[in-house]
Amino acid sequence: QGFRSAVVSAMEACTEKSKKLKGV
């Protein structure tokens, strides 16, 4: 069911959002 890949994808999305917060 893609358990590991779903977790890794979620972490990638979280990291990218964190990087965008640098623009404040």
mmCIF file of all heavy atoms, coordinates in Angstrom:
data_MODEL
# 
_entry.id   MODEL 
# 
loop_
_atom_site.group_PDB 
_atom_site.id 
_atom_site.type_symbol 
_atom_site.label_atom_id 
_atom_site.label_alt_id 
_atom_site.label_comp_id 
_atom_site.label_asym_id 
_atom_site.label_entity_id 
_atom_site.label_seq_id 
_atom_site.pdbx_PDB_ins_code 
_atom_site.Cartn_x 
_atom_site.Cartn_y 
_atom_site.Cartn_z 
_atom_site.occupancy 
_atom_site.B_iso_or_equiv 
_atom_site.pdbx_formal_charge 
_atom_site.auth_seq_id 
_atom_site.auth_comp_id 
_atom_site.auth_asym_id 
_atom_site.auth_atom_id 
_atom_site.pdbx_PDB_model_num 
ATOM 1   N N   . GLN A 1 1  ? 0.808  -1.226 0.000  1.00 0.00 ? 1  GLN A N   1 
ATOM 2   C CA  . GLN A 1 1  ? 0.000  0.000  0.000  1.00 0.00 ? 1  GLN A CA  1 
ATOM 3   C C   . GLN A 1 1  ? 0.842  1.277  0.000  1.00 0.00 ? 1  GLN A C   1 
ATOM 4   O O   . GLN A 1 1  ? 0.300  2.381  0.050  1.00 0.00 ? 1  GLN A O   1 
ATOM 5   C CB  . GLN A 1 1  ? -0.939 -0.001 1.219  1.00 0.00 ? 1  GLN A CB  1 
ATOM 6   C CG  . GLN A 1 1  ? -1.981 -1.111 1.220  1.00 0.00 ? 1  GLN A CG  1 
ATOM 7   C CD  . GLN A 1 1  ? -2.949 -0.994 0.064  1.00 0.00 ? 1  GLN A CD  1 
ATOM 8   O OE1 . GLN A 1 1  ? -3.355 0.092  -0.318 1.00 0.00 ? 1  GLN A OE1 1 
ATOM 9   N NE2 . GLN A 1 1  ? -3.324 -2.125 -0.516 1.00 0.00 ? 1  GLN A NE2 1 
ATOM 10  N N   . GLY A 1 2  ? 2.154  1.125  -0.036 1.00 0.00 ? 2  GLY A N   1 
ATOM 11  C CA  . GLY A 1 2  ? 3.021  2.297  -0.120 1.00 0.00 ? 2  GLY A CA  1 
ATOM 12  C C   . GLY A 1 2  ? 3.210  3.035  1.194  1.00 0.00 ? 2  GLY A C   1 
ATOM 13  O O   . GLY A 1 2  ? 3.382  4.262  1.215  1.00 0.00 ? 2  GLY A O   1 
ATOM 14  N N   . PHE A 1 3  ? 3.204  2.301  2.299  1.00 0.00 ? 3  PHE A N   1 
ATOM 15  C CA  . PHE A 1 3  ? 3.314  2.906  3.632  1.00 0.00 ? 3  PHE A CA  1 
ATOM 16  C C   . PHE A 1 3  ? 4.569  3.768  3.756  1.00 0.00 ? 3  PHE A C   1 
ATOM 17  O O   . PHE A 1 3  ? 4.501  4.942  4.112  1.00 0.00 ? 3  PHE A O   1 
ATOM 18  C CB  . PHE A 1 3  ? 3.320  1.792  4.692  1.00 0.00 ? 3  PHE A CB  1 
ATOM 19  C CG  . PHE A 1 3  ? 3.406  2.269  6.107  1.00 0.00 ? 3  PHE A CG  1 
ATOM 20  C CD1 . PHE A 1 3  ? 2.356  2.947  6.699  1.00 0.00 ? 3  PHE A CD1 1 
ATOM 21  C CD2 . PHE A 1 3  ? 4.544  2.032  6.862  1.00 0.00 ? 3  PHE A CD2 1 
ATOM 22  C CE1 . PHE A 1 3  ? 2.430  3.376  8.009  1.00 0.00 ? 3  PHE A CE1 1 
ATOM 23  C CE2 . PHE A 1 3  ? 4.634  2.460  8.178  1.00 0.00 ? 3  PHE A CE2 1 
ATOM 24  C CZ  . PHE A 1 3  ? 3.567  3.136  8.753  1.00 0.00 ? 3  PHE A CZ  1 
ATOM 25  N N   . ARG A 1 4  ? 5.733  3.208  3.439  1.00 0.00 ? 4  ARG A N   1 
ATOM 26  C CA  . ARG A 1 4  ? 6.990  3.959  3.579  1.00 0.00 ? 4  ARG A CA  1 
ATOM 27  C C   . ARG A 1 4  ? 7.038  5.151  2.636  1.00 0.00 ? 4  ARG A C   1 
ATOM 28  O O   . ARG A 1 4  ? 7.446  6.243  3.012  1.00 0.00 ? 4  ARG A O   1 
ATOM 29  C CB  . ARG A 1 4  ? 8.191  3.045  3.294  1.00 0.00 ? 4  ARG A CB  1 
ATOM 30  C CG  . ARG A 1 4  ? 8.426  1.963  4.310  1.00 0.00 ? 4  ARG A CG  1 
ATOM 31  C CD  . ARG A 1 4  ? 9.624  1.132  3.870  1.00 0.00 ? 4  ARG A CD  1 
ATOM 32  N NE  . ARG A 1 4  ? 9.679  -0.128 4.561  1.00 0.00 ? 4  ARG A NE  1 
ATOM 33  C CZ  . ARG A 1 4  ? 10.688 -0.499 5.366  1.00 0.00 ? 4  ARG A CZ  1 
ATOM 34  N NH1 . ARG A 1 4  ? 11.699 0.310  5.560  1.00 0.00 ? 4  ARG A NH1 1 
ATOM 35  N NH2 . ARG A 1 4  ? 10.673 -1.678 5.947  1.00 0.00 ? 4  ARG A NH2 1 
ATOM 36  N N   . SER A 1 5  ? 6.642  4.938  1.384  1.00 0.00 ? 5  SER A N   1 
ATOM 37  C CA  . SER A 1 5  ? 6.727  6.026  0.408  1.00 0.00 ? 5  SER A CA  1 
ATOM 38  C C   . SER A 1 5  ? 5.781  7.161  0.764  1.00 0.00 ? 5  SER A C   1 
ATOM 39  O O   . SER A 1 5  ? 6.095  8.334  0.526  1.00 0.00 ? 5  SER A O   1 
ATOM 40  C CB  . SER A 1 5  ? 6.432  5.509  -1.001 1.00 0.00 ? 5  SER A CB  1 
ATOM 41  O OG  . SER A 1 5  ? 5.130  4.983  -1.092 1.00 0.00 ? 5  SER A OG  1 
ATOM 42  N N   . ALA A 1 6  ? 4.637  6.839  1.363  1.00 0.00 ? 6  ALA A N   1 
ATOM 43  C CA  . ALA A 1 6  ? 3.703  7.880  1.789  1.00 0.00 ? 6  ALA A CA  1 
ATOM 44  C C   . ALA A 1 6  ? 4.326  8.737  2.894  1.00 0.00 ? 6  ALA A C   1 
ATOM 45  O O   . ALA A 1 6  ? 4.202  9.967  2.893  1.00 0.00 ? 6  ALA A O   1 
ATOM 46  C CB  . ALA A 1 6  ? 2.396  7.263  2.276  1.00 0.00 ? 6  ALA A CB  1 
ATOM 47  N N   . VAL A 1 7  ? 5.011  8.096  3.842  1.00 0.00 ? 7  VAL A N   1 
ATOM 48  C CA  . VAL A 1 7  ? 5.664  8.822  4.930  1.00 0.00 ? 7  VAL A CA  1 
ATOM 49  C C   . VAL A 1 7  ? 6.773  9.717  4.386  1.00 0.00 ? 7  VAL A C   1 
ATOM 50  O O   . VAL A 1 7  ? 6.879  10.904 4.740  1.00 0.00 ? 7  VAL A O   1 
ATOM 51  C CB  . VAL A 1 7  ? 6.229  7.848  5.984  1.00 0.00 ? 7  VAL A CB  1 
ATOM 52  C CG1 . VAL A 1 7  ? 7.071  8.600  7.015  1.00 0.00 ? 7  VAL A CG1 1 
ATOM 53  C CG2 . VAL A 1 7  ? 5.096  7.098  6.686  1.00 0.00 ? 7  VAL A CG2 1 
ATOM 54  N N   . VAL A 1 8  ? 7.599  9.168  3.496  1.00 0.00 ? 8  VAL A N   1 
ATOM 55  C CA  . VAL A 1 8  ? 8.701  9.945  2.917  1.00 0.00 ? 8  VAL A CA  1 
ATOM 56  C C   . VAL A 1 8  ? 8.162  11.124 2.109  1.00 0.00 ? 8  VAL A C   1 
ATOM 57  O O   . VAL A 1 8  ? 8.690  12.243 2.178  1.00 0.00 ? 8  VAL A O   1 
ATOM 58  C CB  . VAL A 1 8  ? 9.602  9.042  2.047  1.00 0.00 ? 8  VAL A CB  1 
ATOM 59  C CG1 . VAL A 1 8  ? 10.622 9.881  1.281  1.00 0.00 ? 8  VAL A CG1 1 
ATOM 60  C CG2 . VAL A 1 8  ? 10.320 8.013  2.920  1.00 0.00 ? 8  VAL A CG2 1 
ATOM 61  N N   . SER A 1 9  ? 7.088  10.912 1.355  1.00 0.00 ? 9  SER A N   1 
ATOM 62  C CA  . SER A 1 9  ? 6.489  11.990 0.575  1.00 0.00 ? 9  SER A CA  1 
ATOM 63  C C   . SER A 1 9  ? 5.954  13.093 1.483  1.00 0.00 ? 9  SER A C   1 
ATOM 64  O O   . SER A 1 9  ? 6.097  14.287 1.179  1.00 0.00 ? 9  SER A O   1 
ATOM 65  C CB  . SER A 1 9  ? 5.360  11.455 -0.309 1.00 0.00 ? 9  SER A CB  1 
ATOM 66  O OG  . SER A 1 9  ? 5.858  10.570 -1.293 1.00 0.00 ? 9  SER A OG  1 
ATOM 67  N N   . ALA A 1 10 ? 5.344  12.706 2.593  1.00 0.00 ? 10 ALA A N   1 
ATOM 68  C CA  . ALA A 1 10 ? 4.846  13.690 3.558  1.00 0.00 ? 10 ALA A CA  1 
ATOM 69  C C   . ALA A 1 10 ? 5.987  14.512 4.132  1.00 0.00 ? 10 ALA A C   1 
ATOM 70  O O   . ALA A 1 10 ? 5.885  15.740 4.295  1.00 0.00 ? 10 ALA A O   1 
ATOM 71  C CB  . ALA A 1 10 ? 4.083  12.983 4.680  1.00 0.00 ? 10 ALA A CB  1 
ATOM 72  N N   . MET A 1 11 ? 7.101  13.852 4.428  1.00 0.00 ? 11 MET A N   1 
ATOM 73  C CA  . MET A 1 11 ? 8.260  14.545 4.986  1.00 0.00 ? 11 MET A CA  1 
ATOM 74  C C   . MET A 1 11 ? 8.866  15.510 3.975  1.00 0.00 ? 11 MET A C   1 
ATOM 75  O O   . MET A 1 11 ? 9.298  16.616 4.325  1.00 0.00 ? 11 MET A O   1 
ATOM 76  C CB  . MET A 1 11 ? 9.294  13.529 5.464  1.00 0.00 ? 11 MET A CB  1 
ATOM 77  C CG  . MET A 1 11 ? 8.813  12.701 6.648  1.00 0.00 ? 11 MET A CG  1 
ATOM 78  S SD  . MET A 1 11 ? 10.015 11.462 7.158  1.00 0.00 ? 11 MET A SD  1 
ATOM 79  C CE  . MET A 1 11 ? 11.313 12.499 7.851  1.00 0.00 ? 11 MET A CE  1 
ATOM 80  N N   . GLU A 1 12 ? 8.905  15.104 2.702  1.00 0.00 ? 12 GLU A N   1 
ATOM 81  C CA  . GLU A 1 12 ? 9.411  15.990 1.651  1.00 0.00 ? 12 GLU A CA  1 
ATOM 82  C C   . GLU A 1 12 ? 8.545  17.238 1.538  1.00 0.00 ? 12 GLU A C   1 
ATOM 83  O O   . GLU A 1 12 ? 9.055  18.360 1.410  1.00 0.00 ? 12 GLU A O   1 
ATOM 84  C CB  . GLU A 1 12 ? 9.452  15.251 0.316  1.00 0.00 ? 12 GLU A CB  1 
ATOM 85  C CG  . GLU A 1 12 ? 10.542 14.185 0.234  1.00 0.00 ? 12 GLU A CG  1 
ATOM 86  C CD  . GLU A 1 12 ? 10.460 13.368 -1.041 1.00 0.00 ? 12 GLU A CD  1 
ATOM 87  O OE1 . GLU A 1 12 ? 9.416  13.455 -1.742 1.00 0.00 ? 12 GLU A OE1 1 
ATOM 88  O OE2 . GLU A 1 12 ? 11.419 12.630 -1.335 1.00 0.00 ? 12 GLU A OE2 1 
ATOM 89  N N   . ALA A 1 13 ? 7.221  17.072 1.616  1.00 0.00 ? 13 ALA A N   1 
ATOM 90  C CA  . ALA A 1 13 ? 6.307  18.208 1.529  1.00 0.00 ? 13 ALA A CA  1 
ATOM 91  C C   . ALA A 1 13 ? 6.496  19.143 2.721  1.00 0.00 ? 13 ALA A C   1 
ATOM 92  O O   . ALA A 1 13 ? 6.495  20.370 2.573  1.00 0.00 ? 13 ALA A O   1 
ATOM 93  C CB  . ALA A 1 13 ? 4.862  17.717 1.463  1.00 0.00 ? 13 ALA A CB  1 
ATOM 94  N N   . CYS A 1 14 ? 6.671  18.567 3.892  1.00 0.00 ? 14 CYS A N   1 
ATOM 95  C CA  . CYS A 1 14 ? 6.886  19.354 5.101  1.00 0.00 ? 14 CYS A CA  1 
ATOM 96  C C   . CYS A 1 14 ? 8.179  20.156 5.005  1.00 0.00 ? 14 CYS A C   1 
ATOM 97  O O   . CYS A 1 14 ? 8.232  21.337 5.358  1.00 0.00 ? 14 CYS A O   1 
ATOM 98  C CB  . CYS A 1 14 ? 6.910  18.428 6.317  1.00 0.00 ? 14 CYS A CB  1 
ATOM 99  S SG  . CYS A 1 14 ? 6.977  19.279 7.905  1.00 0.00 ? 14 CYS A SG  1 
ATOM 100 N N   . THR A 1 15 ? 9.238  19.522 4.518  1.00 0.00 ? 15 THR A N   1 
ATOM 101 C CA  . THR A 1 15 ? 10.537 20.191 4.391  1.00 0.00 ? 15 THR A CA  1 
ATOM 102 C C   . THR A 1 15 ? 10.466 21.345 3.396  1.00 0.00 ? 15 THR A C   1 
ATOM 103 O O   . THR A 1 15 ? 10.994 22.431 3.638  1.00 0.00 ? 15 THR A O   1 
ATOM 104 C CB  . THR A 1 15 ? 11.618 19.182 3.958  1.00 0.00 ? 15 THR A CB  1 
ATOM 105 O OG1 . THR A 1 15 ? 11.717 18.153 4.945  1.00 0.00 ? 15 THR A OG1 1 
ATOM 106 C CG2 . THR A 1 15 ? 12.966 19.863 3.826  1.00 0.00 ? 15 THR A CG2 1 
ATOM 107 N N   . GLU A 1 16 ? 9.802  21.126 2.275  1.00 0.00 ? 16 GLU A N   1 
ATOM 108 C CA  . GLU A 1 16 ? 9.678  22.185 1.272  1.00 0.00 ? 16 GLU A CA  1 
ATOM 109 C C   . GLU A 1 16 ? 8.904  23.374 1.821  1.00 0.00 ? 16 GLU A C   1 
ATOM 110 O O   . GLU A 1 16 ? 9.251  24.532 1.568  1.00 0.00 ? 16 GLU A O   1 
ATOM 111 C CB  . GLU A 1 16 ? 8.997  21.640 0.014  1.00 0.00 ? 16 GLU A CB  1 
ATOM 112 C CG  . GLU A 1 16 ? 9.865  20.728 -0.824 1.00 0.00 ? 16 GLU A CG  1 
ATOM 113 C CD  . GLU A 1 16 ? 11.201 21.367 -1.183 1.00 0.00 ? 16 GLU A CD  1 
ATOM 114 O OE1 . GLU A 1 16 ? 11.173 22.497 -1.722 1.00 0.00 ? 16 GLU A OE1 1 
ATOM 115 O OE2 . GLU A 1 16 ? 12.256 20.765 -0.919 1.00 0.00 ? 16 GLU A OE2 1 
ATOM 116 N N   . LYS A 1 17 ? 7.860  23.106 2.598  1.00 0.00 ? 17 LYS A N   1 
ATOM 117 C CA  . LYS A 1 17 ? 7.100  24.210 3.203  1.00 0.00 ? 17 LYS A CA  1 
ATOM 118 C C   . LYS A 1 17 ? 7.955  24.959 4.207  1.00 0.00 ? 17 LYS A C   1 
ATOM 119 O O   . LYS A 1 17 ? 7.893  26.194 4.280  1.00 0.00 ? 17 LYS A O   1 
ATOM 120 C CB  . LYS A 1 17 ? 5.852  23.653 3.901  1.00 0.00 ? 17 LYS A CB  1 
ATOM 121 C CG  . LYS A 1 17 ? 4.965  24.717 4.518  1.00 0.00 ? 17 LYS A CG  1 
ATOM 122 C CD  . LYS A 1 17 ? 4.370  25.642 3.468  1.00 0.00 ? 17 LYS A CD  1 
ATOM 123 C CE  . LYS A 1 17 ? 3.376  26.602 4.083  1.00 0.00 ? 17 LYS A CE  1 
ATOM 124 N NZ  . LYS A 1 17 ? 2.785  27.519 3.087  1.00 0.00 ? 17 LYS A NZ  1 
ATOM 125 N N   . SER A 1 18 ? 8.769  24.251 4.974  1.00 0.00 ? 18 SER A N   1 
ATOM 126 C CA  . SER A 1 18 ? 9.654  24.890 5.940  1.00 0.00 ? 18 SER A CA  1 
ATOM 127 C C   . SER A 1 18 ? 10.646 25.826 5.236  1.00 0.00 ? 18 SER A C   1 
ATOM 128 O O   . SER A 1 18 ? 10.925 26.923 5.715  1.00 0.00 ? 18 SER A O   1 
ATOM 129 C CB  . SER A 1 18 ? 10.439 23.843 6.739  1.00 0.00 ? 18 SER A CB  1 
ATOM 130 O OG  . SER A 1 18 ? 9.556  23.062 7.525  1.00 0.00 ? 18 SER A OG  1 
ATOM 131 N N   . LYS A 1 19 ? 11.153 25.402 4.091  1.00 0.00 ? 19 LYS A N   1 
ATOM 132 C CA  . LYS A 1 19 ? 12.078 26.232 3.332  1.00 0.00 ? 19 LYS A CA  1 
ATOM 133 C C   . LYS A 1 19 ? 11.396 27.515 2.843  1.00 0.00 ? 19 LYS A C   1 
ATOM 134 O O   . LYS A 1 19 ? 11.994 28.587 2.853  1.00 0.00 ? 19 LYS A O   1 
ATOM 135 C CB  . LYS A 1 19 ? 12.633 25.446 2.153  1.00 0.00 ? 19 LYS A CB  1 
ATOM 136 C CG  . LYS A 1 19 ? 13.607 24.344 2.541  1.00 0.00 ? 19 LYS A CG  1 
ATOM 137 C CD  . LYS A 1 19 ? 14.085 23.565 1.318  1.00 0.00 ? 19 LYS A CD  1 
ATOM 138 C CE  . LYS A 1 19 ? 15.059 22.471 1.701  1.00 0.00 ? 19 LYS A CE  1 
ATOM 139 N NZ  . LYS A 1 19 ? 15.502 21.671 0.532  1.00 0.00 ? 19 LYS A NZ  1 
ATOM 140 N N   . LYS A 1 20 ? 10.131 27.401 2.438  1.00 0.00 ? 20 LYS A N   1 
ATOM 141 C CA  . LYS A 1 20 ? 9.409  28.568 1.946  1.00 0.00 ? 20 LYS A CA  1 
ATOM 142 C C   . LYS A 1 20 ? 9.154  29.585 3.045  1.00 0.00 ? 20 LYS A C   1 
ATOM 143 O O   . LYS A 1 20 ? 9.017  30.781 2.773  1.00 0.00 ? 20 LYS A O   1 
ATOM 144 C CB  . LYS A 1 20 ? 8.075  28.131 1.332  1.00 0.00 ? 20 LYS A CB  1 
ATOM 145 C CG  . LYS A 1 20 ? 8.225  27.386 0.014  1.00 0.00 ? 20 LYS A CG  1 
ATOM 146 C CD  . LYS A 1 20 ? 6.886  26.928 -0.525 1.00 0.00 ? 20 LYS A CD  1 
ATOM 147 C CE  . LYS A 1 20 ? 7.050  26.129 -1.817 1.00 0.00 ? 20 LYS A CE  1 
ATOM 148 N NZ  . LYS A 1 20 ? 5.759  25.634 -2.326 1.00 0.00 ? 20 LYS A NZ  1 
ATOM 149 N N   . LEU A 1 21 ? 9.107  29.126 4.293  1.00 0.00 ? 21 LEU A N   1 
ATOM 150 C CA  . LEU A 1 21 ? 8.870  30.042 5.413  1.00 0.00 ? 21 LEU A CA  1 
ATOM 151 C C   . LEU A 1 21 ? 10.028 31.007 5.616  1.00 0.00 ? 21 LEU A C   1 
ATOM 152 O O   . LEU A 1 21 ? 9.914  31.991 6.348  1.00 0.00 ? 21 LEU A O   1 
ATOM 153 C CB  . LEU A 1 21 ? 8.612  29.249 6.702  1.00 0.00 ? 21 LEU A CB  1 
ATOM 154 C CG  . LEU A 1 21 ? 7.284  28.510 6.774  1.00 0.00 ? 21 LEU A CG  1 
ATOM 155 C CD1 . LEU A 1 21 ? 7.213  27.646 8.026  1.00 0.00 ? 21 LEU A CD1 1 
ATOM 156 C CD2 . LEU A 1 21 ? 6.124  29.484 6.747  1.00 0.00 ? 21 LEU A CD2 1 
ATOM 157 N N   . LYS A 1 22 ? 11.166 30.728 4.994  1.00 0.00 ? 22 LYS A N   1 
ATOM 158 C CA  . LYS A 1 22 ? 12.303 31.632 5.107  1.00 0.00 ? 22 LYS A CA  1 
ATOM 159 C C   . LYS A 1 22 ? 12.012 32.987 4.481  1.00 0.00 ? 22 LYS A C   1 
ATOM 160 O O   . LYS A 1 22 ? 12.686 33.965 4.757  1.00 0.00 ? 22 LYS A O   1 
ATOM 161 C CB  . LYS A 1 22 ? 13.548 31.038 4.414  1.00 0.00 ? 22 LYS A CB  1 
ATOM 162 C CG  . LYS A 1 22 ? 14.189 29.901 5.176  1.00 0.00 ? 22 LYS A CG  1 
ATOM 163 C CD  . LYS A 1 22 ? 15.404 29.407 4.417  1.00 0.00 ? 22 LYS A CD  1 
ATOM 164 C CE  . LYS A 1 22 ? 16.104 28.276 5.147  1.00 0.00 ? 22 LYS A CE  1 
ATOM 165 N NZ  . LYS A 1 22 ? 17.266 27.782 4.405  1.00 0.00 ? 22 LYS A NZ  1 
ATOM 166 N N   . GLY A 1 23 ? 10.981 33.034 3.654  1.00 0.00 ? 23 GLY A N   1 
ATOM 167 C CA  . GLY A 1 23 ? 10.679 34.266 2.966  1.00 0.00 ? 23 GLY A CA  1 
ATOM 168 C C   . GLY A 1 23 ? 9.966  35.306 3.810  1.00 0.00 ? 23 GLY A C   1 
ATOM 169 O O   . GLY A 1 23 ? 9.640  36.379 3.329  1.00 0.00 ? 23 GLY A O   1 
ATOM 170 N N   . VAL A 1 24 ? 9.692  34.990 5.094  1.00 0.00 ? 24 VAL A N   1 
ATOM 171 C CA  . VAL A 1 24 ? 8.967  35.952 5.931  1.00 0.00 ? 24 VAL A CA  1 
ATOM 172 C C   . VAL A 1 24 ? 9.832  37.175 6.177  1.00 0.00 ? 24 VAL A C   1 
ATOM 173 O O   . VAL A 1 24 ? 11.057 37.095 6.145  1.00 0.00 ? 24 VAL A O   1 
ATOM 174 C CB  . VAL A 1 24 ? 8.563  35.308 7.262  1.00 0.00 ? 24 VAL A CB  1 
ATOM 175 C CG1 . VAL A 1 24 ? 7.654  34.131 7.015  1.00 0.00 ? 24 VAL A CG1 1 
ATOM 176 C CG2 . VAL A 1 24 ? 9.753  34.900 8.100  1.00 0.00 ? 24 VAL A CG2 1 
# 
